[in-house]
Protein backbone atom coordinates (compact mmCIF):
# COMPACT_ATOMS: atom_id res chain seq x y z
CA UNK A 1 -31.44 -52.02 40.42
CA UNK A 2 -34.92 -53.90 39.81
CA UNK A 3 -34.55 -57.95 39.49
CA UNK A 4 -35.49 -59.21 36.06
CA UNK A 5 -35.86 -55.25 34.84
CA UNK A 6 -33.93 -54.86 31.26
CA UNK A 7 -32.58 -51.47 30.79
CA UNK A 8 -35.18 -50.98 27.72
CA UNK A 9 -37.85 -51.61 30.45
CA UNK A 10 -36.04 -49.02 32.85
CA UNK A 11 -35.91 -46.46 30.04
CA UNK A 12 -39.73 -46.93 29.41
CA UNK A 13 -40.44 -46.23 32.88
CA UNK A 14 -38.69 -43.03 32.99
CA UNK A 15 -40.16 -41.90 30.38
CA UNK A 16 -43.35 -42.56 31.81
CA UNK A 17 -42.64 -41.14 35.08
CA UNK A 18 -41.52 -38.05 33.15
CA UNK A 19 -44.59 -37.84 31.59
CA UNK A 20 -46.36 -38.20 34.68
CA UNK A 21 -44.23 -35.72 36.44
CA UNK A 22 -43.65 -32.83 33.58
CA UNK A 23 -46.81 -33.77 31.24
CA UNK A 24 -46.38 -35.39 28.13
CA UNK A 25 -43.33 -36.34 25.69
CA UNK A 26 -42.82 -35.37 22.26
CA UNK A 27 -39.79 -37.94 21.59
CA UNK A 28 -38.22 -36.85 17.99
CA UNK A 29 -39.04 -34.90 14.77
CA UNK A 30 -37.93 -36.59 11.36
CA UNK A 31 -38.79 -34.80 8.06
CA UNK A 32 -38.18 -36.79 4.86
CA UNK A 33 -38.02 -35.36 1.20
CA UNK A 34 -40.73 -36.64 -1.61
CA UNK A 35 -37.90 -38.98 -2.92
CA UNK A 36 -37.75 -40.70 0.79
CA UNK A 37 -34.21 -39.21 1.79
CA UNK A 38 -33.89 -37.81 5.64
CA UNK A 39 -33.20 -34.00 5.38
CA UNK A 40 -33.89 -33.34 9.01
CA UNK A 41 -33.52 -35.35 12.59
CA UNK A 42 -34.15 -33.68 15.55
CA UNK A 43 -34.33 -35.46 19.33
CA UNK A 44 -36.10 -33.89 22.09
CA UNK A 45 -35.77 -36.38 24.71
CA UNK A 46 -32.91 -38.10 26.29
CA UNK A 47 -34.48 -41.45 27.13
CA UNK A 48 -34.89 -43.25 23.74
CA UNK A 49 -32.13 -45.47 22.73
CA UNK A 50 -29.21 -43.69 20.25
CA UNK A 51 -30.43 -44.58 16.73
CA UNK A 52 -27.36 -44.20 13.98
CA UNK A 53 -27.56 -41.98 11.19
CA UNK A 54 -27.78 -45.40 9.23
CA UNK A 55 -30.55 -46.36 10.80
CA UNK A 56 -32.27 -43.19 10.63
CA UNK A 57 -31.90 -42.81 6.56
CA UNK A 58 -33.16 -46.52 6.33
CA UNK A 59 -35.72 -45.37 8.49
CA UNK A 60 -36.78 -42.57 6.31
CA UNK A 61 -36.74 -44.87 3.23
CA UNK A 62 -38.81 -47.62 4.50
CA UNK A 63 -41.51 -45.37 5.94
CA UNK A 64 -41.58 -43.49 2.34
CA UNK A 65 -42.25 -46.96 0.48
CA UNK A 66 -44.66 -48.15 3.17
CA UNK A 67 -46.58 -44.65 3.14
CA UNK A 68 -46.47 -45.08 -0.56
CA UNK A 69 -47.60 -48.60 -0.28
CA UNK A 70 -50.50 -48.03 1.67
CA UNK A 71 -51.79 -44.88 0.26
CA UNK A 72 -52.19 -47.00 -3.26
CA UNK A 73 -53.88 -49.85 -1.05
CA UNK A 74 -56.88 -47.70 -0.12
CA UNK A 75 -59.91 -49.31 -1.72
CA UNK A 76 -61.67 -47.42 -4.35
CA UNK A 77 -64.89 -48.90 -3.24
CA UNK A 78 -65.03 -46.03 -0.51
CA UNK A 79 -65.09 -43.56 -3.18
CA UNK A 80 -62.20 -41.68 -2.34
CA UNK A 81 -61.23 -39.38 -5.36
CA UNK A 82 -57.49 -40.61 -5.81
CA UNK A 83 -55.74 -36.76 -4.91
CA UNK A 84 -57.41 -37.46 -1.97
CA UNK A 85 -55.86 -40.76 -0.82
CA UNK A 86 -53.30 -40.89 1.90
CA UNK A 87 -50.68 -43.37 3.24
CA UNK A 88 -50.00 -43.86 7.00
CA UNK A 89 -51.11 -41.16 8.96
CA UNK A 90 -50.95 -42.81 12.88
CA UNK A 91 -49.06 -45.94 13.85
CA UNK A 92 -49.54 -46.28 17.45
CA UNK A 93 -47.17 -48.61 20.05
CA UNK A 94 -47.82 -49.69 23.60
CA UNK A 95 -44.48 -46.89 24.40
CA UNK A 96 -45.03 -44.68 21.11
CA UNK A 97 -47.08 -42.92 18.81
CA UNK A 98 -45.52 -41.76 15.60
CA UNK A 99 -47.76 -39.14 13.59
CA UNK A 100 -47.30 -38.26 9.74
CA UNK A 101 -47.93 -35.32 8.14
CA UNK A 102 -47.46 -35.23 4.28
CA UNK A 103 -47.30 -31.77 2.28
CA UNK A 104 -48.59 -30.89 -0.95
CA UNK A 105 -45.02 -31.05 -2.19
CA UNK A 106 -44.79 -34.34 -0.60
CA UNK A 107 -42.40 -33.61 2.25
CA UNK A 108 -43.11 -35.82 5.08
CA UNK A 109 -43.01 -34.96 9.19
CA UNK A 110 -42.66 -37.62 11.22
CA UNK A 111 -43.88 -36.68 14.92
CA UNK A 112 -42.79 -39.57 17.66
CA UNK A 113 -44.67 -38.76 20.78
CA UNK A 114 -45.98 -40.40 23.66
CA UNK A 115 -48.83 -42.41 23.24
CA UNK A 116 -51.37 -40.44 24.91
CA UNK A 117 -49.95 -36.92 23.98
CA UNK A 118 -52.77 -34.84 23.31
CA UNK A 119 -52.99 -32.09 20.68
CA UNK A 120 -50.47 -33.60 17.91
CA UNK A 121 -52.32 -31.94 15.12
CA UNK A 122 -51.89 -28.55 16.94
CA UNK A 123 -47.88 -29.57 17.32
CA UNK A 124 -47.47 -30.72 13.90
CA UNK A 125 -49.74 -27.82 12.42
CA UNK A 126 -46.66 -25.87 14.58
CA UNK A 127 -43.60 -27.49 13.30
CA UNK A 128 -44.70 -27.16 9.84
CA UNK A 129 -45.56 -23.40 10.57
CA UNK A 130 -42.04 -22.97 11.66
CA UNK A 131 -40.64 -24.90 8.86
CA UNK A 132 -42.43 -22.62 6.42
CA UNK A 133 -40.97 -19.40 8.43
CA UNK A 134 -37.80 -20.60 9.31
CA UNK A 135 -36.85 -22.71 6.45
CA UNK A 136 -38.75 -22.44 3.16
CA UNK A 137 -38.13 -18.39 3.50
CA UNK A 138 -34.49 -19.15 4.38
CA UNK A 139 -33.03 -17.75 0.54
CA UNK A 140 -30.08 -20.12 1.25
CA UNK A 141 -31.84 -23.18 1.61
CA UNK A 142 -32.32 -25.52 -1.43
CA UNK A 143 -35.33 -27.68 -1.82
CA UNK A 144 -35.09 -31.43 -1.28
CA UNK A 145 -31.36 -31.16 0.65
CA UNK A 146 -30.78 -31.92 4.19
CA UNK A 147 -31.79 -28.49 6.51
CA UNK A 148 -29.06 -27.06 8.42
CA UNK A 149 -31.07 -23.72 9.69
CA UNK A 150 -30.30 -22.31 13.45
CA UNK A 151 -33.24 -20.31 13.42
CA UNK A 152 -35.46 -23.19 12.74
CA UNK A 153 -33.78 -25.47 14.98
CA UNK A 154 -33.85 -22.56 17.78
CA UNK A 155 -37.59 -21.96 17.38
CA UNK A 156 -38.25 -25.53 16.88
CA UNK A 157 -36.17 -26.23 20.30
CA UNK A 158 -38.18 -23.47 22.54
CA UNK A 159 -41.40 -24.35 21.37
CA UNK A 160 -41.04 -28.15 22.23
CA UNK A 161 -39.66 -27.05 25.57
CA UNK A 162 -42.93 -25.23 26.39
CA UNK A 163 -45.31 -28.18 25.69
């Protein structure tokens, strides 16, 4: 193909090409319960390298711990009340942006997007709205357990395809 090009470089170029042609990209969504366990994972883009379930579990637990440490490191000299301190909200790299939204109950929504994805807050709000409508209102869903709700999957996928 290209001399000296690595497979990962080609994947990044394809992802950027897709972003230019089809608009910005939402890569995946991970939902973590308040104990740091992975309860949901969904990929929306085929350009990502496949990640094993064990790696996703490690990612969820690690992010949960780092989020808690970052929350406790907020300097008290800033005058921020302890109940308003937040952990990591955004983590950016050259290849992706991780946005974290934590609910009052401690559930964390991690959205992996292209670095220049516009309106991530709007996307995150809609994801949370779909979660509230189709997961928490489901009489068969138990809190803190893995999410297995077809209506949530279907509505989430149709919303992300419309993006």
